[in-house]
């Protein structure tokens, strides 16, 4: 394939942008071959009359870029024309072909939702990273985060999303859903994802966030009493749950109180890893509000987002390994 003048000009630039570095990391760590093999049986073969479908590899990469940059269907279509880095990542040469349009990407995303393939993407990435030795399965961190949903009733049904609910956190009310995750204690990789309305208590979902092979589990003060619940009594897991803030502030200023405070600090330092996937989802991928109506569609998107968050975390760990070896 002949190189165009724009490609030569772009290749000769003196600075690599943050977007280029991020996409290069995504390209290197994501198990593309395994993902395409898992999705291929469900992708249209293109037999018969009509326009043949675009390649699975191209559509998958366009969908991944959309999720990582928090763009709409039309937004990622425009970004393909605007950004040389995204075009190279997807594999599109505008001198020879047009970019896939928003409707084509919409159909691809609906295929993933209808066939439950977003969960397949998440599990394929998770299992690939486990085979790389990044998932040890000895301990689990559990936590949940609120994801806001539009409370407006200016729609066809004149009603808010019936799958969402309001909940109070602190002195503020929130309307939306919760994303519950189970995270590997050693690597910080997400191994379990589930969603509920915002008013569901975190402790009621703790048992569903365990994979069954861990010996220890850690949670914040919202999981107080988790070991006494019926679904957890026969589970061979030792729970380490943070004290409630009021109880912690009331610890006595003596040797025993200082020891308990030190234990709480250690538990907090271990639990810190559970916040990294939430940081990636909300700040890096800009997913601070539910994009679709209903839990099913939003859960499908969250499977993809947390799968890609695992790719980002794995890239951080691999880069740290290389840095240590180089030094």
C-alpha atoms as a PDB file:
ATOM      1  CA  UNK A   1       0.000   0.000   0.000  1.00  0.00           C
ATOM      2  CA  UNK A   2       1.448   3.317  -1.075  1.00  0.00           C
ATOM      3  CA  UNK A   3       2.128   5.893   1.653  1.00  0.00           C
ATOM      4  CA  UNK A   4       0.386   9.217   1.191  1.00  0.00           C
ATOM      5  CA  UNK A   5       1.971  12.622   1.705  1.00  0.00           C
ATOM      6  CA  UNK A   6      -0.141  13.198   4.834  1.00  0.00           C
ATOM      7  CA  UNK A   7       1.137   9.923   6.329  1.00  0.00           C
ATOM      8  CA  UNK A   8       4.722  10.940   5.656  1.00  0.00           C
ATOM      9  CA  UNK A   9       4.157  14.370   7.178  1.00  0.00           C
ATOM     10  CA  UNK A  10       2.503  12.838  10.245  1.00  0.00           C
ATOM     11  CA  UNK A  11       5.260  10.251  10.686  1.00  0.00           C
ATOM     12  CA  UNK A  12       7.891  13.019  10.611  1.00  0.00           C
ATOM     13  CA  UNK A  13       6.477  15.039  13.482  1.00  0.00           C
ATOM     14  CA  UNK A  14       8.720  15.425  16.524  1.00  0.00           C
ATOM     15  CA  UNK A  15       6.234  14.818  19.331  1.00  0.00           C
ATOM     16  CA  UNK A  16       4.064  11.823  20.182  1.00  0.00           C
ATOM     17  CA  UNK A  17       0.754  12.961  21.645  1.00  0.00           C
ATOM     18  CA  UNK A  18      -0.902  11.483  24.728  1.00  0.00           C
ATOM     19  CA  UNK A  19      -3.656  10.076  22.519  1.00  0.00           C
ATOM     20  CA  UNK A  20      -1.061   8.247  20.422  1.00  0.00           C
ATOM     21  CA  UNK A  21       0.623   6.817  23.512  1.00  0.00           C
ATOM     22  CA  UNK A  22      -2.705   5.698  24.933  1.00  0.00           C
ATOM     23  CA  UNK A  23      -3.793   4.027  21.692  1.00  0.00           C
ATOM     24  CA  UNK A  24      -0.385   2.360  21.349  1.00  0.00           C
ATOM     25  CA  UNK A  25      -0.780   0.884  24.841  1.00  0.00           C
ATOM     26  CA  UNK A  26      -4.307  -0.229  23.980  1.00  0.00           C
ATOM     27  CA  UNK A  27      -3.042  -1.836  20.787  1.00  0.00           C
ATOM     28  CA  UNK A  28      -0.253  -3.689  22.588  1.00  0.00           C
ATOM     29  CA  UNK A  29      -2.158  -5.057  25.598  1.00  0.00           C
ATOM     30  CA  UNK A  30      -5.619  -5.857  24.185  1.00  0.00           C
ATOM     31  CA  UNK A  31      -6.006  -9.507  23.037  1.00  0.00           C
ATOM     32  CA  UNK A  32      -7.432  -8.650  19.620  1.00  0.00           C
ATOM     33  CA  UNK A  33      -7.151 -12.154  18.165  1.00  0.00           C
ATOM     34  CA  UNK A  34      -9.070 -13.724  21.064  1.00  0.00           C
ATOM     35  CA  UNK A  35     -11.739 -11.017  20.957  1.00  0.00           C
ATOM     36  CA  UNK A  36     -12.311 -11.415  17.231  1.00  0.00           C
ATOM     37  CA  UNK A  37     -12.456 -15.202  17.564  1.00  0.00           C
ATOM     38  CA  UNK A  38     -15.092 -14.891  20.329  1.00  0.00           C
ATOM     39  CA  UNK A  39     -17.238 -12.428  18.343  1.00  0.00           C
ATOM     40  CA  UNK A  40     -16.837 -13.946  14.870  1.00  0.00           C
ATOM     41  CA  UNK A  41     -19.622 -16.602  15.187  1.00  0.00           C
ATOM     42  CA  UNK A  42     -22.162 -13.823  15.839  1.00  0.00           C
ATOM     43  CA  UNK A  43     -20.949 -11.338  13.208  1.00  0.00           C
ATOM     44  CA  UNK A  44     -22.784 -11.238   9.842  1.00  0.00           C
ATOM     45  CA  UNK A  45     -20.991 -13.308   7.224  1.00  0.00           C
ATOM     46  CA  UNK A  46     -22.064 -11.095   4.314  1.00  0.00           C
ATOM     47  CA  UNK A  47     -23.556 -13.865   2.179  1.00  0.00           C
ATOM     48  CA  UNK A  48     -26.436 -13.119  -0.148  1.00  0.00           C
ATOM     49  CA  UNK A  49     -27.597  -9.861  -1.721  1.00  0.00           C
ATOM     50  CA  UNK A  50     -26.969  -6.442  -0.263  1.00  0.00           C
ATOM     51  CA  UNK A  51     -23.931  -4.495   0.803  1.00  0.00           C
ATOM     52  CA  UNK A  52     -21.339  -6.722   2.505  1.00  0.00           C
ATOM     53  CA  UNK A  53     -20.592  -5.887   6.157  1.00  0.00           C
ATOM     54  CA  UNK A  54     -17.398  -4.143   7.133  1.00  0.00           C
ATOM     55  CA  UNK A  55     -14.636  -6.213   8.691  1.00  0.00           C
ATOM     56  CA  UNK A  56     -15.088  -7.302  12.307  1.00  0.00           C
ATOM     57  CA  UNK A  57     -11.612  -6.074  13.254  1.00  0.00           C
ATOM     58  CA  UNK A  58     -12.374  -2.557  12.050  1.00  0.00           C
ATOM     59  CA  UNK A  59     -15.769  -2.339  13.744  1.00  0.00           C
ATOM     60  CA  UNK A  60     -14.381  -3.715  17.021  1.00  0.00           C
ATOM     61  CA  UNK A  61     -11.579  -1.164  17.073  1.00  0.00           C
ATOM     62  CA  UNK A  62     -13.965   1.665  16.258  1.00  0.00           C
ATOM     63  CA  UNK A  63     -16.252   0.554  19.098  1.00  0.00           C
ATOM     64  CA  UNK A  64     -13.294   0.365  21.515  1.00  0.00           C
ATOM     65  CA  UNK A  65     -12.109   3.851  20.526  1.00  0.00           C
ATOM     66  CA  UNK A  66     -15.632   5.192  21.042  1.00  0.00           C
ATOM     67  CA  UNK A  67     -15.821   3.772  24.569  1.00  0.00           C
ATOM     68  CA  UNK A  68     -12.335   4.926  25.564  1.00  0.00           C
ATOM     69  CA  UNK A  69     -12.920   8.527  24.498  1.00  0.00           C
ATOM     70  CA  UNK A  70     -16.544   8.755  25.687  1.00  0.00           C
ATOM     71  CA  UNK A  71     -17.914   9.658  22.249  1.00  0.00           C
ATOM     72  CA  UNK A  72     -21.342   9.262  20.696  1.00  0.00           C
ATOM     73  CA  UNK A  73     -21.856   7.328  17.454  1.00  0.00           C
ATOM     74  CA  UNK A  74     -21.701  10.555  15.469  1.00  0.00           C
ATOM     75  CA  UNK A  75     -18.802  11.781  17.602  1.00  0.00           C
ATOM     76  CA  UNK A  76     -16.551   8.826  16.826  1.00  0.00           C
ATOM     77  CA  UNK A  77     -17.453   9.078  13.128  1.00  0.00           C
ATOM     78  CA  UNK A  78     -16.287  12.705  13.147  1.00  0.00           C
ATOM     79  CA  UNK A  79     -13.211  11.780  15.197  1.00  0.00           C
ATOM     80  CA  UNK A  80     -12.149   9.289  12.543  1.00  0.00           C
ATOM     81  CA  UNK A  81     -12.053  12.111   9.997  1.00  0.00           C
ATOM     82  CA  UNK A  82     -10.428  14.562  12.436  1.00  0.00           C
ATOM     83  CA  UNK A  83      -7.774  12.396  14.108  1.00  0.00           C
ATOM     84  CA  UNK A  84      -4.951  10.655  12.280  1.00  0.00           C
ATOM     85  CA  UNK A  85      -4.129   8.673  15.440  1.00  0.00           C
ATOM     86  CA  UNK A  86      -7.644   7.200  15.621  1.00  0.00           C
ATOM     87  CA  UNK A  87      -7.616   6.402  11.898  1.00  0.00           C
ATOM     88  CA  UNK A  88      -4.347   4.512  12.279  1.00  0.00           C
ATOM     89  CA  UNK A  89      -5.701   2.661  15.319  1.00  0.00           C
ATOM     90  CA  UNK A  90      -8.844   1.552  13.468  1.00  0.00           C
ATOM     91  CA  UNK A  91      -6.998   0.930  10.202  1.00  0.00           C
ATOM     92  CA  UNK A  92      -8.730   3.341   7.815  1.00  0.00           C
ATOM     93  CA  UNK A  93      -7.145   5.118   4.864  1.00  0.00           C
ATOM     94  CA  UNK A  94      -9.392   7.997   3.813  1.00  0.00           C
ATOM     95  CA  UNK A  95      -7.646   8.218   0.447  1.00  0.00           C
ATOM     96  CA  UNK A  96      -9.126   4.842  -0.477  1.00  0.00           C
ATOM     97  CA  UNK A  97     -12.281   4.424   1.633  1.00  0.00           C
ATOM     98  CA  UNK A  98     -14.804   6.217   3.796  1.00  0.00           C
ATOM     99  CA  UNK A  99     -15.061   5.757   7.528  1.00  0.00           C
ATOM    100  CA  UNK A 100     -17.892   3.578   8.894  1.00  0.00           C
ATOM    101  CA  UNK A 101     -20.860   5.799   9.600  1.00  0.00           C
ATOM    102  CA  UNK A 102     -22.747   6.205  12.884  1.00  0.00           C
ATOM    103  CA  UNK A 103     -25.588   3.900  11.808  1.00  0.00           C
ATOM    104  CA  UNK A 104     -23.175   1.040  11.105  1.00  0.00           C
ATOM    105  CA  UNK A 105     -21.629   1.430  14.556  1.00  0.00           C
ATOM    106  CA  UNK A 106     -25.098   1.585  16.119  1.00  0.00           C
ATOM    107  CA  UNK A 107     -25.987  -1.766  14.536  1.00  0.00           C
ATOM    108  CA  UNK A 108     -22.729  -3.265  15.775  1.00  0.00           C
ATOM    109  CA  UNK A 109     -23.345  -2.053  19.324  1.00  0.00           C
ATOM    110  CA  UNK A 110     -26.883  -3.446  19.281  1.00  0.00           C
ATOM    111  CA  UNK A 111     -25.488  -6.779  18.140  1.00  0.00           C
ATOM    112  CA  UNK A 112     -23.213  -6.799  21.182  1.00  0.00           C
ATOM    113  CA  UNK A 113     -26.128  -5.932  23.469  1.00  0.00           C
ATOM    114  CA  UNK A 114     -28.616  -8.417  22.023  1.00  0.00           C
ATOM    115  CA  UNK A 115     -26.189 -11.351  22.031  1.00  0.00           C
ATOM    116  CA  UNK A 116     -24.601 -10.571  25.414  1.00  0.00           C
ATOM    117  CA  UNK A 117     -21.229 -10.068  23.737  1.00  0.00           C
ATOM    118  CA  UNK A 118     -20.146  -7.169  25.964  1.00  0.00           C
ATOM    119  CA  UNK A 119     -19.807  -9.689  28.807  1.00  0.00           C
ATOM    120  CA  UNK A 120     -17.821 -11.894  26.421  1.00  0.00           C
ATOM    121  CA  UNK A 121     -15.447  -8.984  25.729  1.00  0.00           C
ATOM    122  CA  UNK A 122     -14.976  -8.401  29.465  1.00  0.00           C
ATOM    123  CA  UNK A 123     -14.401 -12.081  30.250  1.00  0.00           C
ATOM    124  CA  UNK A 124     -12.045 -12.598  27.295  1.00  0.00           C
ATOM    125  CA  UNK A 125      -9.835  -9.704  28.421  1.00  0.00           C
ATOM    126  CA  UNK A 126      -9.971 -10.852  32.062  1.00  0.00           C
ATOM    127  CA  UNK A 127      -9.040 -14.447  31.221  1.00  0.00           C
ATOM    128  CA  UNK A 128      -6.243 -13.306  28.906  1.00  0.00           C
ATOM    129  CA  UNK A 129      -4.706 -11.170  31.656  1.00  0.00           C
ATOM    130  CA  UNK A 130      -5.107 -14.060  34.123  1.00  0.00           C
ATOM    131  CA  UNK A 131      -3.071 -16.271  31.791  1.00  0.00           C
ATOM    132  CA  UNK A 132      -0.391 -13.572  31.810  1.00  0.00           C
ATOM    133  CA  UNK A 133      -0.080 -14.022  35.580  1.00  0.00           C
ATOM    134  CA  UNK A 134      -1.728 -10.714  36.493  1.00  0.00           C
ATOM    135  CA  UNK A 135      -4.738 -12.188  38.351  1.00  0.00           C
ATOM    136  CA  UNK A 136      -3.798 -14.126  41.498  1.00  0.00           C
ATOM    137  CA  UNK A 137      -7.324 -14.732  42.917  1.00  0.00           C
ATOM    138  CA  UNK A 138      -6.208 -14.906  46.565  1.00  0.00           C
ATOM    139  CA  UNK A 139      -8.144 -11.842  47.724  1.00  0.00           C
ATOM    140  CA  UNK A 140     -10.996  -9.645  46.537  1.00  0.00           C
ATOM    141  CA  UNK A 141     -11.831  -5.989  47.081  1.00  0.00           C
ATOM    142  CA  UNK A 142     -15.515  -5.088  46.773  1.00  0.00           C
ATOM    143  CA  UNK A 143     -17.026  -1.665  46.224  1.00  0.00           C
ATOM    144  CA  UNK A 144     -19.769   0.174  44.356  1.00  0.00           C
ATOM    145  CA  UNK A 145     -20.171   3.570  42.750  1.00  0.00           C
ATOM    146  CA  UNK A 146     -23.194   5.652  41.832  1.00  0.00           C
ATOM    147  CA  UNK A 147     -23.707   6.466  38.162  1.00  0.00           C
ATOM    148  CA  UNK A 148     -26.203   9.245  37.556  1.00  0.00           C
ATOM    149  CA  UNK A 149     -29.069   8.888  35.092  1.00  0.00           C
ATOM    150  CA  UNK A 150     -31.048  11.706  33.461  1.00  0.00           C
ATOM    151  CA  UNK A 151     -33.999  12.517  35.773  1.00  0.00           C
ATOM    152  CA  UNK A 152     -35.897  14.395  33.075  1.00  0.00           C
ATOM    153  CA  UNK A 153     -39.449  13.347  32.123  1.00  0.00           C
ATOM    154  CA  UNK A 154     -39.318  15.103  28.750  1.00  0.00           C
ATOM    155  CA  UNK A 155     -39.626  11.910  26.754  1.00  0.00           C
ATOM    156  CA  UNK A 156     -42.256   9.835  25.002  1.00  0.00           C
ATOM    157  CA  UNK A 157     -43.422   8.095  28.201  1.00  0.00           C
ATOM    158  CA  UNK A 158     -43.452  11.303  30.289  1.00  0.00           C
ATOM    159  CA  UNK A 159     -41.620   9.375  33.026  1.00  0.00           C
ATOM    160  CA  UNK A 160     -38.166   8.760  34.408  1.00  0.00           C
ATOM    161  CA  UNK A 161     -36.323   5.542  33.632  1.00  0.00           C
ATOM    162  CA  UNK A 162     -38.204   2.830  35.595  1.00  0.00           C
ATOM    163  CA  UNK A 163     -35.017   0.753  36.015  1.00  0.00           C
ATOM    164  CA  UNK A 164     -33.254   3.562  37.855  1.00  0.00           C
ATOM    165  CA  UNK A 165     -33.931   4.760  41.386  1.00  0.00           C
ATOM    166  CA  UNK A 166     -32.934   7.528  43.754  1.00  0.00           C
ATOM    167  CA  UNK A 167     -30.672   7.067  46.760  1.00  0.00           C
ATOM    168  CA  UNK A 168     -29.224   9.329  49.401  1.00  0.00           C
ATOM    169  CA  UNK A 169     -25.475   9.572  49.910  1.00  0.00           C
ATOM    170  CA  UNK A 170     -24.457  11.871  52.696  1.00  0.00           C
ATOM    171  CA  UNK A 171     -26.897  14.755  52.520  1.00  0.00           C
ATOM    172  CA  UNK A 172     -27.400  14.603  48.757  1.00  0.00           C
ATOM    173  CA  UNK A 173     -29.919  12.638  46.711  1.00  0.00           C
ATOM    174  CA  UNK A 174     -28.829  10.869  43.527  1.00  0.00           C
ATOM    175  CA  UNK A 175     -30.952   9.320  40.770  1.00  0.00           C
ATOM    176  CA  UNK A 176     -29.461   6.516  38.748  1.00  0.00           C
ATOM    177  CA  UNK A 177     -27.781   3.155  39.135  1.00  0.00           C
ATOM    178  CA  UNK A 178     -24.909   1.467  40.954  1.00  0.00           C
ATOM    179  CA  UNK A 179     -21.982  -0.388  39.444  1.00  0.00           C
ATOM    180  CA  UNK A 180     -20.709  -3.081  41.829  1.00  0.00           C
ATOM    181  CA  UNK A 181     -17.277  -4.598  41.181  1.00  0.00           C
ATOM    182  CA  UNK A 182     -15.023  -7.277  42.602  1.00  0.00           C
ATOM    183  CA  UNK A 183     -11.330  -6.446  42.184  1.00  0.00           C
ATOM    184  CA  UNK A 184      -8.262  -8.662  42.560  1.00  0.00           C
ATOM    185  CA  UNK A 185      -6.369  -7.720  45.719  1.00  0.00           C
ATOM    186  CA  UNK A 186      -2.907  -8.035  44.163  1.00  0.00           C
ATOM    187  CA  UNK A 187      -3.288  -6.644  40.637  1.00  0.00           C
ATOM    188  CA  UNK A 188      -6.284  -4.307  40.979  1.00  0.00           C
ATOM    189  CA  UNK A 189      -7.954  -5.955  37.952  1.00  0.00           C
ATOM    190  CA  UNK A 190     -11.740  -6.211  37.896  1.00  0.00           C
ATOM    191  CA  UNK A 191     -12.979  -9.808  37.806  1.00  0.00           C
ATOM    192  CA  UNK A 192     -16.718  -9.320  38.473  1.00  0.00           C
ATOM    193  CA  UNK A 193     -19.211  -6.621  37.447  1.00  0.00           C
ATOM    194  CA  UNK A 194     -22.910  -6.253  38.200  1.00  0.00           C
ATOM    195  CA  UNK A 195     -25.382  -3.389  38.213  1.00  0.00           C
ATOM    196  CA  UNK A 196     -28.416  -2.509  40.328  1.00  0.00           C
ATOM    197  CA  UNK A 197     -30.670   0.493  40.883  1.00  0.00           C
ATOM    198  CA  UNK A 198     -29.071   3.139  43.090  1.00  0.00           C
ATOM    199  CA  UNK A 199     -31.185   2.304  46.150  1.00  0.00           C
ATOM    200  CA  UNK A 200     -29.846  -1.269  46.498  1.00  0.00           C
ATOM    201  CA  UNK A 201     -27.565  -1.577  49.527  1.00  0.00           C
ATOM    202  CA  UNK A 202     -23.959  -2.498  48.783  1.00  0.00           C
ATOM    203  CA  UNK A 203     -23.814  -5.268  51.392  1.00  0.00           C
ATOM    204  CA  UNK A 204     -26.627  -7.224  49.726  1.00  0.00           C
ATOM    205  CA  UNK A 205     -24.494  -7.742  46.590  1.00  0.00           C
ATOM    206  CA  UNK A 206     -21.204  -8.648  48.288  1.00  0.00           C
ATOM    207  CA  UNK A 207     -21.592 -12.411  47.825  1.00  0.00           C
ATOM    208  CA  UNK A 208     -22.116 -11.999  44.070  1.00  0.00           C
ATOM    209  CA  UNK A 209     -18.798 -10.152  43.715  1.00  0.00           C
ATOM    210  CA  UNK A 210     -16.698 -13.099  44.910  1.00  0.00           C
ATOM    211  CA  UNK A 211     -15.293 -15.597  42.411  1.00  0.00           C
ATOM    212  CA  UNK A 212     -15.095 -18.416  44.982  1.00  0.00           C
ATOM    213  CA  UNK A 213     -11.325 -18.936  45.115  1.00  0.00           C
ATOM    214  CA  UNK A 214     -10.336 -16.084  47.436  1.00  0.00           C
ATOM    215  CA  UNK A 215      -9.522 -16.498  51.111  1.00  0.00           C
ATOM    216  CA  UNK A 216      -9.886 -12.833  52.104  1.00  0.00           C
ATOM    217  CA  UNK A 217     -12.231 -10.029  51.092  1.00  0.00           C
ATOM    218  CA  UNK A 218     -12.088  -6.337  51.947  1.00  0.00           C
ATOM    219  CA  UNK A 219     -14.787  -3.674  51.883  1.00  0.00           C
ATOM    220  CA  UNK A 220     -15.494  -0.208  53.201  1.00  0.00           C
ATOM    221  CA  UNK A 221     -17.828   0.618  56.072  1.00  0.00           C
ATOM    222  CA  UNK A 222     -20.879   0.089  53.876  1.00  0.00           C
ATOM    223  CA  UNK A 223     -20.259  -3.668  54.117  1.00  0.00           C
ATOM    224  CA  UNK A 224     -20.534  -3.827  57.908  1.00  0.00           C
ATOM    225  CA  UNK A 225     -22.239  -7.078  58.961  1.00  0.00           C
ATOM    226  CA  UNK A 226     -21.538  -8.830  55.651  1.00  0.00           C
ATOM    227  CA  UNK A 227     -20.166 -11.986  57.300  1.00  0.00           C
ATOM    228  CA  UNK A 228     -23.384 -12.440  59.302  1.00  0.00           C
ATOM    229  CA  UNK A 229     -25.697 -12.426  56.299  1.00  0.00           C
ATOM    230  CA  UNK A 230     -27.242 -15.820  55.393  1.00  0.00           C
ATOM    231  CA  UNK A 231     -25.672 -15.957  51.936  1.00  0.00           C
ATOM    232  CA  UNK A 232     -22.169 -15.508  53.416  1.00  0.00           C
ATOM    233  CA  UNK A 233     -22.255 -17.697  56.507  1.00  0.00           C
ATOM    234  CA  UNK A 234     -20.989 -20.837  54.751  1.00  0.00           C
ATOM    235  CA  UNK A 235     -18.500 -18.991  52.532  1.00  0.00           C
ATOM    236  CA  UNK A 236     -14.863 -19.767  53.533  1.00  0.00           C
ATOM    237  CA  UNK A 237     -13.800 -16.132  53.240  1.00  0.00           C
ATOM    238  CA  UNK A 238     -12.399 -13.891  55.957  1.00  0.00           C
ATOM    239  CA  UNK A 239     -13.965 -10.434  55.681  1.00  0.00           C
ATOM    240  CA  UNK A 240     -11.970  -7.322  56.589  1.00  0.00           C
ATOM    241  CA  UNK A 241     -14.436  -4.444  56.722  1.00  0.00           C
ATOM    242  CA  UNK A 242     -13.616  -0.875  57.680  1.00  0.00           C
ATOM    243  CA  UNK A 243     -15.032   0.636  60.849  1.00  0.00           C
ATOM    244  CA  UNK A 244     -17.778   3.191  60.495  1.00  0.00           C
ATOM    245  CA  UNK A 245     -16.398   6.758  60.590  1.00  0.00           C
ATOM    246  CA  UNK A 246     -18.081   7.565  63.909  1.00  0.00           C
ATOM    247  CA  UNK A 247     -16.713   4.442  65.572  1.00  0.00           C
ATOM    248  CA  UNK A 248     -13.241   5.136  64.200  1.00  0.00           C
ATOM    249  CA  UNK A 249     -13.259   8.723  65.488  1.00  0.00           C
ATOM    250  CA  UNK A 250     -14.248   7.441  68.933  1.00  0.00           C
ATOM    251  CA  UNK A 251     -11.256   5.097  69.273  1.00  0.00           C
ATOM    252  CA  UNK A 252      -9.462   5.746  72.588  1.00  0.00           C
ATOM    253  CA  UNK A 253      -6.106   7.520  72.575  1.00  0.00           C
ATOM    254  CA  UNK A 254      -4.204   4.639  74.130  1.00  0.00           C
ATOM    255  CA  UNK A 255      -2.040   1.781  72.902  1.00  0.00           C
ATOM    256  CA  UNK A 256      -5.009  -0.374  71.854  1.00  0.00           C
ATOM    257  CA  UNK A 257      -6.759   2.532  70.157  1.00  0.00           C
ATOM    258  CA  UNK A 258      -3.619   3.476  68.219  1.00  0.00           C
ATOM    259  CA  UNK A 259      -3.177  -0.161  67.151  1.00  0.00           C
ATOM    260  CA  UNK A 260      -6.760  -0.291  65.879  1.00  0.00           C
ATOM    261  CA  UNK A 261      -6.206   2.979  64.003  1.00  0.00           C
ATOM    262  CA  UNK A 262      -3.091   1.537  62.389  1.00  0.00           C
ATOM    263  CA  UNK A 263      -5.070  -1.554  61.324  1.00  0.00           C
ATOM    264  CA  UNK A 264      -7.695   0.697  59.729  1.00  0.00           C
ATOM    265  CA  UNK A 265      -4.983   2.576  57.842  1.00  0.00           C
ATOM    266  CA  UNK A 266      -3.572  -0.705  56.495  1.00  0.00           C
ATOM    267  CA  UNK A 267      -7.033  -1.857  55.397  1.00  0.00           C
ATOM    268  CA  UNK A 268      -7.606   1.507  53.698  1.00  0.00           C
ATOM    269  CA  UNK A 269      -4.285   1.290  51.840  1.00  0.00           C
ATOM    270  CA  UNK A 270      -5.211  -2.164  50.538  1.00  0.00           C
ATOM    271  CA  UNK A 271      -8.704  -1.039  49.519  1.00  0.00           C
ATOM    272  CA  UNK A 272      -7.299   1.893  47.543  1.00  0.00           C
ATOM    273  CA  UNK A 273      -6.866  -0.308  44.450  1.00  0.00           C
ATOM    274  CA  UNK A 274     -10.621  -0.704  44.098  1.00  0.00           C
ATOM    275  CA  UNK A 275     -10.882   3.011  43.308  1.00  0.00           C
ATOM    276  CA  UNK A 276      -8.569   2.812  40.278  1.00  0.00           C
ATOM    277  CA  UNK A 277     -11.132   1.195  37.911  1.00  0.00           C
ATOM    278  CA  UNK A 278     -13.712   3.798  38.948  1.00  0.00           C
ATOM    279  CA  UNK A 279     -11.167   6.554  38.266  1.00  0.00           C
ATOM    280  CA  UNK A 280     -10.502   5.173  34.789  1.00  0.00           C
ATOM    281  CA  UNK A 281     -14.182   4.773  33.954  1.00  0.00           C
ATOM    282  CA  UNK A 282     -15.286   8.190  35.191  1.00  0.00           C
ATOM    283  CA  UNK A 283     -12.265  10.405  34.552  1.00  0.00           C
ATOM    284  CA  UNK A 284     -10.300   8.806  31.725  1.00  0.00           C
ATOM    285  CA  UNK A 285     -13.253   7.366  29.774  1.00  0.00           C
ATOM    286  CA  UNK A 286     -15.575  10.223  30.895  1.00  0.00           C
ATOM    287  CA  UNK A 287     -18.451   7.897  31.811  1.00  0.00           C
ATOM    288  CA  UNK A 288     -20.050   9.908  34.615  1.00  0.00           C
ATOM    289  CA  UNK A 289     -23.672   9.518  33.525  1.00  0.00           C
ATOM    290  CA  UNK A 290     -25.697   6.602  32.206  1.00  0.00           C
ATOM    291  CA  UNK A 291     -25.968   7.001  28.452  1.00  0.00           C
ATOM    292  CA  UNK A 292     -28.878   4.661  27.721  1.00  0.00           C
ATOM    293  CA  UNK A 293     -32.310   3.907  29.116  1.00  0.00           C
ATOM    294  CA  UNK A 294     -32.648   0.745  31.192  1.00  0.00           C
ATOM    295  CA  UNK A 295     -30.189  -1.317  33.205  1.00  0.00           C
ATOM    296  CA  UNK A 296     -29.538  -3.900  30.483  1.00  0.00           C
ATOM    297  CA  UNK A 297     -28.034  -1.489  27.941  1.00  0.00           C
ATOM    298  CA  UNK A 298     -26.015   0.339  30.568  1.00  0.00           C
ATOM    299  CA  UNK A 299     -24.715  -2.897  32.066  1.00  0.00           C
ATOM    300  CA  UNK A 300     -23.627  -4.036  28.603  1.00  0.00           C
ATOM    301  CA  UNK A 301     -21.623  -0.830  28.207  1.00  0.00           C
ATOM    302  CA  UNK A 302     -20.101  -1.198  31.683  1.00  0.00           C
ATOM    303  CA  UNK A 303     -18.822  -4.677  30.846  1.00  0.00           C
ATOM    304  CA  UNK A 304     -16.900  -3.195  27.938  1.00  0.00           C
ATOM    305  CA  UNK A 305     -15.676  -0.200  29.961  1.00  0.00           C
ATOM    306  CA  UNK A 306     -14.377  -2.302  32.850  1.00  0.00           C
ATOM    307  CA  UNK A 307     -12.768  -4.707  30.407  1.00  0.00           C
ATOM    308  CA  UNK A 308     -10.903  -1.795  28.835  1.00  0.00           C
ATOM    309  CA  UNK A 309     -10.092  -0.443  32.308  1.00  0.00           C
ATOM    310  CA  UNK A 310      -8.366  -3.780  32.961  1.00  0.00           C
ATOM    311  CA  UNK A 311      -6.322  -3.225  29.808  1.00  0.00           C
ATOM    312  CA  UNK A 312      -5.240   0.206  31.081  1.00  0.00           C
ATOM    313  CA  UNK A 313      -4.315  -1.161  34.535  1.00  0.00           C
ATOM    314  CA  UNK A 314      -2.401  -4.057  32.968  1.00  0.00           C
ATOM    315  CA  UNK A 315      -0.523  -1.562  30.810  1.00  0.00           C
ATOM    316  CA  UNK A 316       0.467   0.377  33.927  1.00  0.00           C
ATOM    317  CA  UNK A 317       1.760  -2.781  35.612  1.00  0.00           C
ATOM    318  CA  UNK A 318       3.658  -3.984  32.560  1.00  0.00           C
ATOM    319  CA  UNK A 319       5.260  -0.560  32.119  1.00  0.00           C
ATOM    320  CA  UNK A 320       6.273  -0.597  35.804  1.00  0.00           C
ATOM    321  CA  UNK A 321       7.870  -4.028  35.316  1.00  0.00           C
ATOM    322  CA  UNK A 322       9.883  -2.821  32.327  1.00  0.00           C
ATOM    323  CA  UNK A 323      10.992   0.281  34.261  1.00  0.00           C
ATOM    324  CA  UNK A 324      12.248  -1.840  37.147  1.00  0.00           C
ATOM    325  CA  UNK A 325      14.116  -4.144  34.810  1.00  0.00           C
ATOM    326  CA  UNK A 326      15.694  -1.219  32.968  1.00  0.00           C
ATOM    327  CA  UNK A 327      16.873   0.402  36.169  1.00  0.00           C
END
